[in-house]
């Protein structure tokens, strides 16, 4: 294959790769997508839910009870 053939094959592969990348990364255009995206942002900014019961106390390593032999 001549140099022109390699150059033509290179451009065809570049264009095909670019079209694949553009098609995979395009944003959806429906109405619900924008609402879902807004809700995701609001959830990220909101406070985490508070637990209903207080957390259980954690014993430190030094407070272990001795084992009976």
PDB file of N, CA and C in Angstrom:
ATOM      1  N   UNK A   1       0.858  -1.164   0.000  1.00  0.00           N
ATOM      2  CA  UNK A   1       0.000   0.000   0.000  1.00  0.00           C
ATOM      3  C   UNK A   1       0.907   1.232   0.000  1.00  0.00           C
ATOM      4  N   UNK A   2       0.513   2.210  -0.739  1.00  0.00           N
ATOM      5  CA  UNK A   2       1.331   3.407  -0.848  1.00  0.00           C
ATOM      6  C   UNK A   2       1.112   4.319   0.361  1.00  0.00           C
ATOM      7  N   UNK A   3       1.899   5.361   0.416  1.00  0.00           N
ATOM      8  CA  UNK A   3       1.788   6.325   1.508  1.00  0.00           C
ATOM      9  C   UNK A   3       0.435   7.008   1.541  1.00  0.00           C
ATOM     10  N   UNK A   4      -0.134   7.246   0.370  1.00  0.00           N
ATOM     11  CA  UNK A   4      -1.451   7.886   0.306  1.00  0.00           C
ATOM     12  C   UNK A   4      -2.509   6.949   0.875  1.00  0.00           C
ATOM     13  N   UNK A   5      -2.366   5.657   0.639  1.00  0.00           N
ATOM     14  CA  UNK A   5      -3.312   4.674   1.174  1.00  0.00           C
ATOM     15  C   UNK A   5      -3.259   4.616   2.689  1.00  0.00           C
ATOM     16  N   UNK A   6      -2.032   4.635   3.237  1.00  0.00           N
ATOM     17  CA  UNK A   6      -1.891   4.657   4.691  1.00  0.00           C
ATOM     18  C   UNK A   6      -2.495   5.928   5.284  1.00  0.00           C
ATOM     19  N   UNK A   7      -2.272   7.050   4.629  1.00  0.00           N
ATOM     20  CA  UNK A   7      -2.823   8.315   5.103  1.00  0.00           C
ATOM     21  C   UNK A   7      -4.351   8.291   5.052  1.00  0.00           C
ATOM     22  N   UNK A   8      -4.902   7.739   3.986  1.00  0.00           N
ATOM     23  CA  UNK A   8      -6.348   7.639   3.866  1.00  0.00           C
ATOM     24  C   UNK A   8      -6.924   6.707   4.943  1.00  0.00           C
ATOM     25  N   UNK A   9      -6.274   5.573   5.178  1.00  0.00           N
ATOM     26  CA  UNK A   9      -6.721   4.649   6.230  1.00  0.00           C
ATOM     27  C   UNK A   9      -6.644   5.304   7.602  1.00  0.00           C
ATOM     28  N   UNK A  10      -5.609   6.093   7.834  1.00  0.00           N
ATOM     29  CA  UNK A  10      -5.460   6.796   9.111  1.00  0.00           C
ATOM     30  C   UNK A  10      -6.614   7.772   9.321  1.00  0.00           C
ATOM     31  N   UNK A  11      -6.955   8.542   8.305  1.00  0.00           N
ATOM     32  CA  UNK A  11      -8.051   9.505   8.442  1.00  0.00           C
ATOM     33  C   UNK A  11      -9.396   8.811   8.641  1.00  0.00           C
ATOM     34  N   UNK A  12      -9.607   7.693   7.956  1.00  0.00           N
ATOM     35  CA  UNK A  12     -10.855   6.951   8.125  1.00  0.00           C
ATOM     36  C   UNK A  12     -10.960   6.429   9.556  1.00  0.00           C
ATOM     37  N   UNK A  13      -9.874   5.877  10.101  1.00  0.00           N
ATOM     38  CA  UNK A  13      -9.881   5.386  11.483  1.00  0.00           C
ATOM     39  C   UNK A  13     -10.076   6.517  12.482  1.00  0.00           C
ATOM     40  N   UNK A  14      -9.460   7.666  12.233  1.00  0.00           N
ATOM     41  CA  UNK A  14      -9.633   8.817  13.134  1.00  0.00           C
ATOM     42  C   UNK A  14     -11.075   9.309  13.132  1.00  0.00           C
ATOM     43  N   UNK A  15     -11.672   9.386  11.986  1.00  0.00           N
ATOM     44  CA  UNK A  15     -13.059   9.849  11.897  1.00  0.00           C
ATOM     45  C   UNK A  15     -13.994   8.840  12.567  1.00  0.00           C
ATOM     46  N   UNK A  16     -13.782   7.557  12.328  1.00  0.00           N
ATOM     47  CA  UNK A  16     -14.621   6.530  12.956  1.00  0.00           C
ATOM     48  C   UNK A  16     -14.458   6.557  14.477  1.00  0.00           C
ATOM     49  N   UNK A  17     -13.251   6.676  14.962  1.00  0.00           N
ATOM     50  CA  UNK A  17     -13.019   6.756  16.406  1.00  0.00           C
ATOM     51  C   UNK A  17     -13.646   7.994  17.017  1.00  0.00           C
ATOM     52  N   UNK A  18     -13.544   9.121  16.324  1.00  0.00           N
ATOM     53  CA  UNK A  18     -14.158  10.355  16.824  1.00  0.00           C
ATOM     54  C   UNK A  18     -15.667  10.229  16.903  1.00  0.00           C
ATOM     55  N   UNK A  19     -16.283   9.610  15.903  1.00  0.00           N
ATOM     56  CA  UNK A  19     -17.735   9.431  15.921  1.00  0.00           C
ATOM     57  C   UNK A  19     -18.171   8.516  17.063  1.00  0.00           C
ATOM     58  N   UNK A  20     -17.393   7.494  17.337  1.00  0.00           N
ATOM     59  CA  UNK A  20     -17.715   6.594  18.450  1.00  0.00           C
ATOM     60  C   UNK A  20     -17.625   7.330  19.779  1.00  0.00           C
ATOM     61  N   UNK A  21     -16.567   8.110  19.970  1.00  0.00           N
ATOM     62  CA  UNK A  21     -16.405   8.861  21.219  1.00  0.00           C
ATOM     63  C   UNK A  21     -17.520   9.877  21.394  1.00  0.00           C
ATOM     64  N   UNK A  22     -17.866  10.595  20.350  1.00  0.00           N
ATOM     65  CA  UNK A  22     -18.939  11.593  20.427  1.00  0.00           C
ATOM     66  C   UNK A  22     -20.273  10.915  20.727  1.00  0.00           C
ATOM     67  N   UNK A  23     -20.543   9.781  20.100  1.00  0.00           N
ATOM     68  CA  UNK A  23     -21.814   9.084  20.316  1.00  0.00           C
ATOM     69  C   UNK A  23     -21.922   8.550  21.740  1.00  0.00           C
ATOM     70  N   UNK A  24     -20.831   8.085  22.318  1.00  0.00           N
ATOM     71  CA  UNK A  24     -20.882   7.521  23.664  1.00  0.00           C
ATOM     72  C   UNK A  24     -20.967   8.589  24.738  1.00  0.00           C
ATOM     73  N   UNK A  25     -20.445   9.787  24.495  1.00  0.00           N
ATOM     74  CA  UNK A  25     -20.390  10.824  25.534  1.00  0.00           C
ATOM     75  C   UNK A  25     -21.401  11.947  25.341  1.00  0.00           C
ATOM     76  N   UNK A  26     -22.333  11.778  24.455  1.00  0.00           N
ATOM     77  CA  UNK A  26     -23.319  12.845  24.278  1.00  0.00           C
ATOM     78  C   UNK A  26     -24.328  12.802  25.412  1.00  0.00           C
ATOM     79  N   UNK A  27     -24.905  13.966  25.720  1.00  0.00           N
ATOM     80  CA  UNK A  27     -25.881  14.059  26.795  1.00  0.00           C
ATOM     81  C   UNK A  27     -27.260  13.701  26.267  1.00  0.00           C
ATOM     82  N   UNK A  28     -28.047  12.999  27.074  1.00  0.00           N
ATOM     83  CA  UNK A  28     -29.430  12.734  26.672  1.00  0.00           C
ATOM     84  C   UNK A  28     -30.209  14.047  26.582  1.00  0.00           C
ATOM     85  N   UNK A  29     -31.178  14.109  25.714  1.00  0.00           N
ATOM     86  CA  UNK A  29     -31.887  15.353  25.472  1.00  0.00           C
ATOM     87  C   UNK A  29     -33.335  15.316  25.959  1.00  0.00           C
ATOM     88  N   UNK A  30     -33.732  14.291  26.699  1.00  0.00           N
ATOM     89  CA  UNK A  30     -35.116  14.248  27.147  1.00  0.00           C
ATOM     90  C   UNK A  30     -35.325  15.117  28.387  1.00  0.00           C
ATOM     91  N   UNK A  31     -36.547  15.445  28.682  1.00  0.00           N
ATOM     92  CA  UNK A  31     -36.892  16.348  29.770  1.00  0.00           C
ATOM     93  C   UNK A  31     -36.565  15.741  31.136  1.00  0.00           C
ATOM     94  N   UNK A  32     -36.835  14.460  31.306  1.00  0.00           N
ATOM     95  CA  UNK A  32     -36.637  13.818  32.603  1.00  0.00           C
ATOM     96  C   UNK A  32     -35.171  13.734  32.982  1.00  0.00           C
ATOM     97  N   UNK A  33     -34.268  13.676  32.021  1.00  0.00           N
ATOM     98  CA  UNK A  33     -32.845  13.596  32.349  1.00  0.00           C
ATOM     99  C   UNK A  33     -32.390  14.841  33.100  1.00  0.00           C
ATOM    100  N   UNK A  34     -32.859  16.002  32.684  1.00  0.00           N
ATOM    101  CA  UNK A  34     -32.448  17.227  33.369  1.00  0.00           C
ATOM    102  C   UNK A  34     -33.005  17.264  34.783  1.00  0.00           C
ATOM    103  N   UNK A  35     -34.219  16.745  34.991  1.00  0.00           N
ATOM    104  CA  UNK A  35     -34.780  16.694  36.339  1.00  0.00           C
ATOM    105  C   UNK A  35     -34.022  15.699  37.217  1.00  0.00           C
ATOM    106  N   UNK A  36     -33.666  14.559  36.655  1.00  0.00           N
ATOM    107  CA  UNK A  36     -32.893  13.570  37.403  1.00  0.00           C
ATOM    108  C   UNK A  36     -31.520  14.110  37.783  1.00  0.00           C
ATOM    109  N   UNK A  37     -30.893  14.826  36.869  1.00  0.00           N
ATOM    110  CA  UNK A  37     -29.588  15.417  37.150  1.00  0.00           C
ATOM    111  C   UNK A  37     -29.690  16.463  38.261  1.00  0.00           C
ATOM    112  N   UNK A  38     -30.737  17.280  38.227  1.00  0.00           N
ATOM    113  CA  UNK A  38     -30.950  18.277  39.270  1.00  0.00           C
ATOM    114  C   UNK A  38     -31.182  17.601  40.618  1.00  0.00           C
ATOM    115  N   UNK A  39     -31.958  16.524  40.649  1.00  0.00           N
ATOM    116  CA  UNK A  39     -32.217  15.810  41.893  1.00  0.00           C
ATOM    117  C   UNK A  39     -30.936  15.188  42.442  1.00  0.00           C
ATOM    118  N   UNK A  40     -30.074  14.671  41.578  1.00  0.00           N
ATOM    119  CA  UNK A  40     -28.788  14.116  42.021  1.00  0.00           C
ATOM    120  C   UNK A  40     -27.935  15.186  42.670  1.00  0.00           C
ATOM    121  N   UNK A  41     -27.923  16.391  42.096  1.00  0.00           N
ATOM    122  CA  UNK A  41     -27.144  17.486  42.678  1.00  0.00           C
ATOM    123  C   UNK A  41     -27.721  17.912  44.021  1.00  0.00           C
ATOM    124  N   UNK A  42     -29.035  17.962  44.141  1.00  0.00           N
ATOM    125  CA  UNK A  42     -29.661  18.329  45.416  1.00  0.00           C
ATOM    126  C   UNK A  42     -29.385  17.272  46.485  1.00  0.00           C
ATOM    127  N   UNK A  43     -29.397  16.000  46.107  1.00  0.00           N
ATOM    128  CA  UNK A  43     -29.085  14.934  47.055  1.00  0.00           C
ATOM    129  C   UNK A  43     -27.634  15.028  47.520  1.00  0.00           C
ATOM    130  N   UNK A  44     -26.740  15.416  46.623  1.00  0.00           N
ATOM    131  CA  UNK A  44     -25.332  15.539  46.987  1.00  0.00           C
ATOM    132  C   UNK A  44     -25.114  16.709  47.952  1.00  0.00           C
ATOM    133  N   UNK A  45     -25.924  17.752  47.848  1.00  0.00           N
ATOM    134  CA  UNK A  45     -25.766  18.920  48.712  1.00  0.00           C
ATOM    135  C   UNK A  45     -26.512  18.793  50.029  1.00  0.00           C
ATOM    136  N   UNK A  46     -27.443  17.857  50.143  1.00  0.00           N
ATOM    137  CA  UNK A  46     -28.243  17.746  51.356  1.00  0.00           C
ATOM    138  C   UNK A  46     -27.446  17.078  52.469  1.00  0.00           C
ATOM    139  N   UNK A  47     -27.950  17.247  53.685  1.00  0.00           N
ATOM    140  CA  UNK A  47     -27.308  16.613  54.844  1.00  0.00           C
ATOM    141  C   UNK A  47     -27.571  15.114  54.817  1.00  0.00           C
ATOM    142  N   UNK A  48     -26.649  14.338  55.390  1.00  0.00           N
ATOM    143  CA  UNK A  48     -26.909  12.894  55.451  1.00  0.00           C
ATOM    144  C   UNK A  48     -28.047  12.618  56.429  1.00  0.00           C
ATOM    145  N   UNK A  49     -28.812  11.562  56.233  1.00  0.00           N
ATOM    146  CA  UNK A  49     -29.919  11.262  57.144  1.00  0.00           C
ATOM    147  C   UNK A  49     -29.407  10.946  58.539  1.00  0.00           C
ATOM    148  N   UNK A  50     -30.124  11.436  59.540  1.00  0.00           N
ATOM    149  CA  UNK A  50     -29.743  11.192  60.928  1.00  0.00           C
ATOM    150  C   UNK A  50     -30.256   9.819  61.358  1.00  0.00           C
ATOM    151  N   UNK A  51     -29.441   9.055  62.091  1.00  0.00           N
ATOM    152  CA  UNK A  51     -29.914   7.751  62.553  1.00  0.00           C
ATOM    153  C   UNK A  51     -31.019   7.926  63.593  1.00  0.00           C
ATOM    154  N   UNK A  52     -31.950   6.978  63.636  1.00  0.00           N
ATOM    155  CA  UNK A  52     -33.083   7.065  64.564  1.00  0.00           C
ATOM    156  C   UNK A  52     -32.667   6.730  65.994  1.00  0.00           C
ATOM    157  N   UNK A  53     -31.698   5.870  66.179  1.00  0.00           N
ATOM    158  CA  UNK A  53     -31.235   5.522  67.520  1.00  0.00           C
ATOM    159  C   UNK A  53     -29.798   6.016  67.686  1.00  0.00           C
ATOM    160  N   UNK A  54     -29.409   6.316  68.925  1.00  0.00           N
ATOM    161  CA  UNK A  54     -28.030   6.772  69.130  1.00  0.00           C
ATOM    162  C   UNK A  54     -27.048   5.646  68.822  1.00  0.00           C
ATOM    163  N   UNK A  55     -25.861   5.986  68.398  1.00  0.00           N
ATOM    164  CA  UNK A  55     -24.881   4.929  68.088  1.00  0.00           C
ATOM    165  C   UNK A  55     -24.465   4.178  69.347  1.00  0.00           C
ATOM    166  N   UNK A  56     -24.144   2.908  69.177  1.00  0.00           N
ATOM    167  CA  UNK A  56     -23.699   2.098  70.302  1.00  0.00           C
ATOM    168  C   UNK A  56     -22.325   2.546  70.746  1.00  0.00           C
ATOM    169  N   UNK A  57     -22.058   2.558  72.049  1.00  0.00           N
ATOM    170  CA  UNK A  57     -20.713   2.945  72.510  1.00  0.00           C
ATOM    171  C   UNK A  57     -19.695   1.889  72.088  1.00  0.00           C
ATOM    172  N   UNK A  58     -18.521   2.342  71.792  1.00  0.00           N
ATOM    173  CA  UNK A  58     -17.451   1.450  71.359  1.00  0.00           C
ATOM    174  C   UNK A  58     -16.446   1.328  72.492  1.00  0.00           C
ATOM    175  N   UNK A  59     -16.137   0.091  72.864  1.00  0.00           N
ATOM    176  CA  UNK A  59     -15.132  -0.123  73.906  1.00  0.00           C
ATOM    177  C   UNK A  59     -13.749   0.053  73.316  1.00  0.00           C
ATOM    178  N   UNK A  60     -12.883   0.667  74.078  1.00  0.00           N
ATOM    179  CA  UNK A  60     -11.509   0.794  73.601  1.00  0.00           C
ATOM    180  C   UNK A  60     -10.786  -0.526  73.843  1.00  0.00           C
ATOM    181  N   UNK A  61      -9.633  -0.664  73.280  1.00  0.00           N
ATOM    182  CA  UNK A  61      -8.868  -1.905  73.393  1.00  0.00           C
ATOM    183  C   UNK A  61      -8.394  -2.102  74.824  1.00  0.00           C
ATOM    184  N   UNK A  62      -8.109  -1.045  75.557  1.00  0.00           N
ATOM    185  CA  UNK A  62      -7.588  -1.141  76.922  1.00  0.00           C
ATOM    186  C   UNK A  62      -8.657  -1.560  77.917  1.00  0.00           C
ATOM    187  N   UNK A  63      -9.930  -1.477  77.588  1.00  0.00           N
ATOM    188  CA  UNK A  63     -11.009  -1.793  78.514  1.00  0.00           C
ATOM    189  C   UNK A  63     -11.483  -3.245  78.384  1.00  0.00           C
ATOM    190  N   UNK A  64     -10.696  -4.092  77.784  1.00  0.00           N
ATOM    191  CA  UNK A  64     -11.112  -5.478  77.645  1.00  0.00           C
ATOM    192  C   UNK A  64     -11.163  -6.152  79.010  1.00  0.00           C
ATOM    193  N   UNK A  65     -12.099  -7.056  79.157  1.00  0.00           N
ATOM    194  CA  UNK A  65     -12.166  -7.815  80.398  1.00  0.00           C
ATOM    195  C   UNK A  65     -11.189  -8.973  80.304  1.00  0.00           C
ATOM    196  N   UNK A  66     -10.520  -9.272  81.398  1.00  0.00           N
ATOM    197  CA  UNK A  66      -9.552 -10.395  81.357  1.00  0.00           C
ATOM    198  C   UNK A  66     -10.284 -11.717  81.183  1.00  0.00           C
ATOM    199  N   UNK A  67      -9.650 -12.594  80.453  1.00  0.00           N
ATOM    200  CA  UNK A  67     -10.223 -13.917  80.228  1.00  0.00           C
ATOM    201  C   UNK A  67      -9.965 -14.795  81.441  1.00  0.00           C
ATOM    202  N   UNK A  68     -10.960 -15.581  81.789  1.00  0.00           N
ATOM    203  CA  UNK A  68     -10.760 -16.528  82.904  1.00  0.00           C
ATOM    204  C   UNK A  68     -10.223 -17.837  82.326  1.00  0.00           C
ATOM    205  N   UNK A  69      -9.270 -18.422  83.042  1.00  0.00           N
ATOM    206  CA  UNK A  69      -8.654 -19.653  82.558  1.00  0.00           C
ATOM    207  C   UNK A  69      -9.159 -20.843  83.269  1.00  0.00           C
TER     208      UNK A  69
END
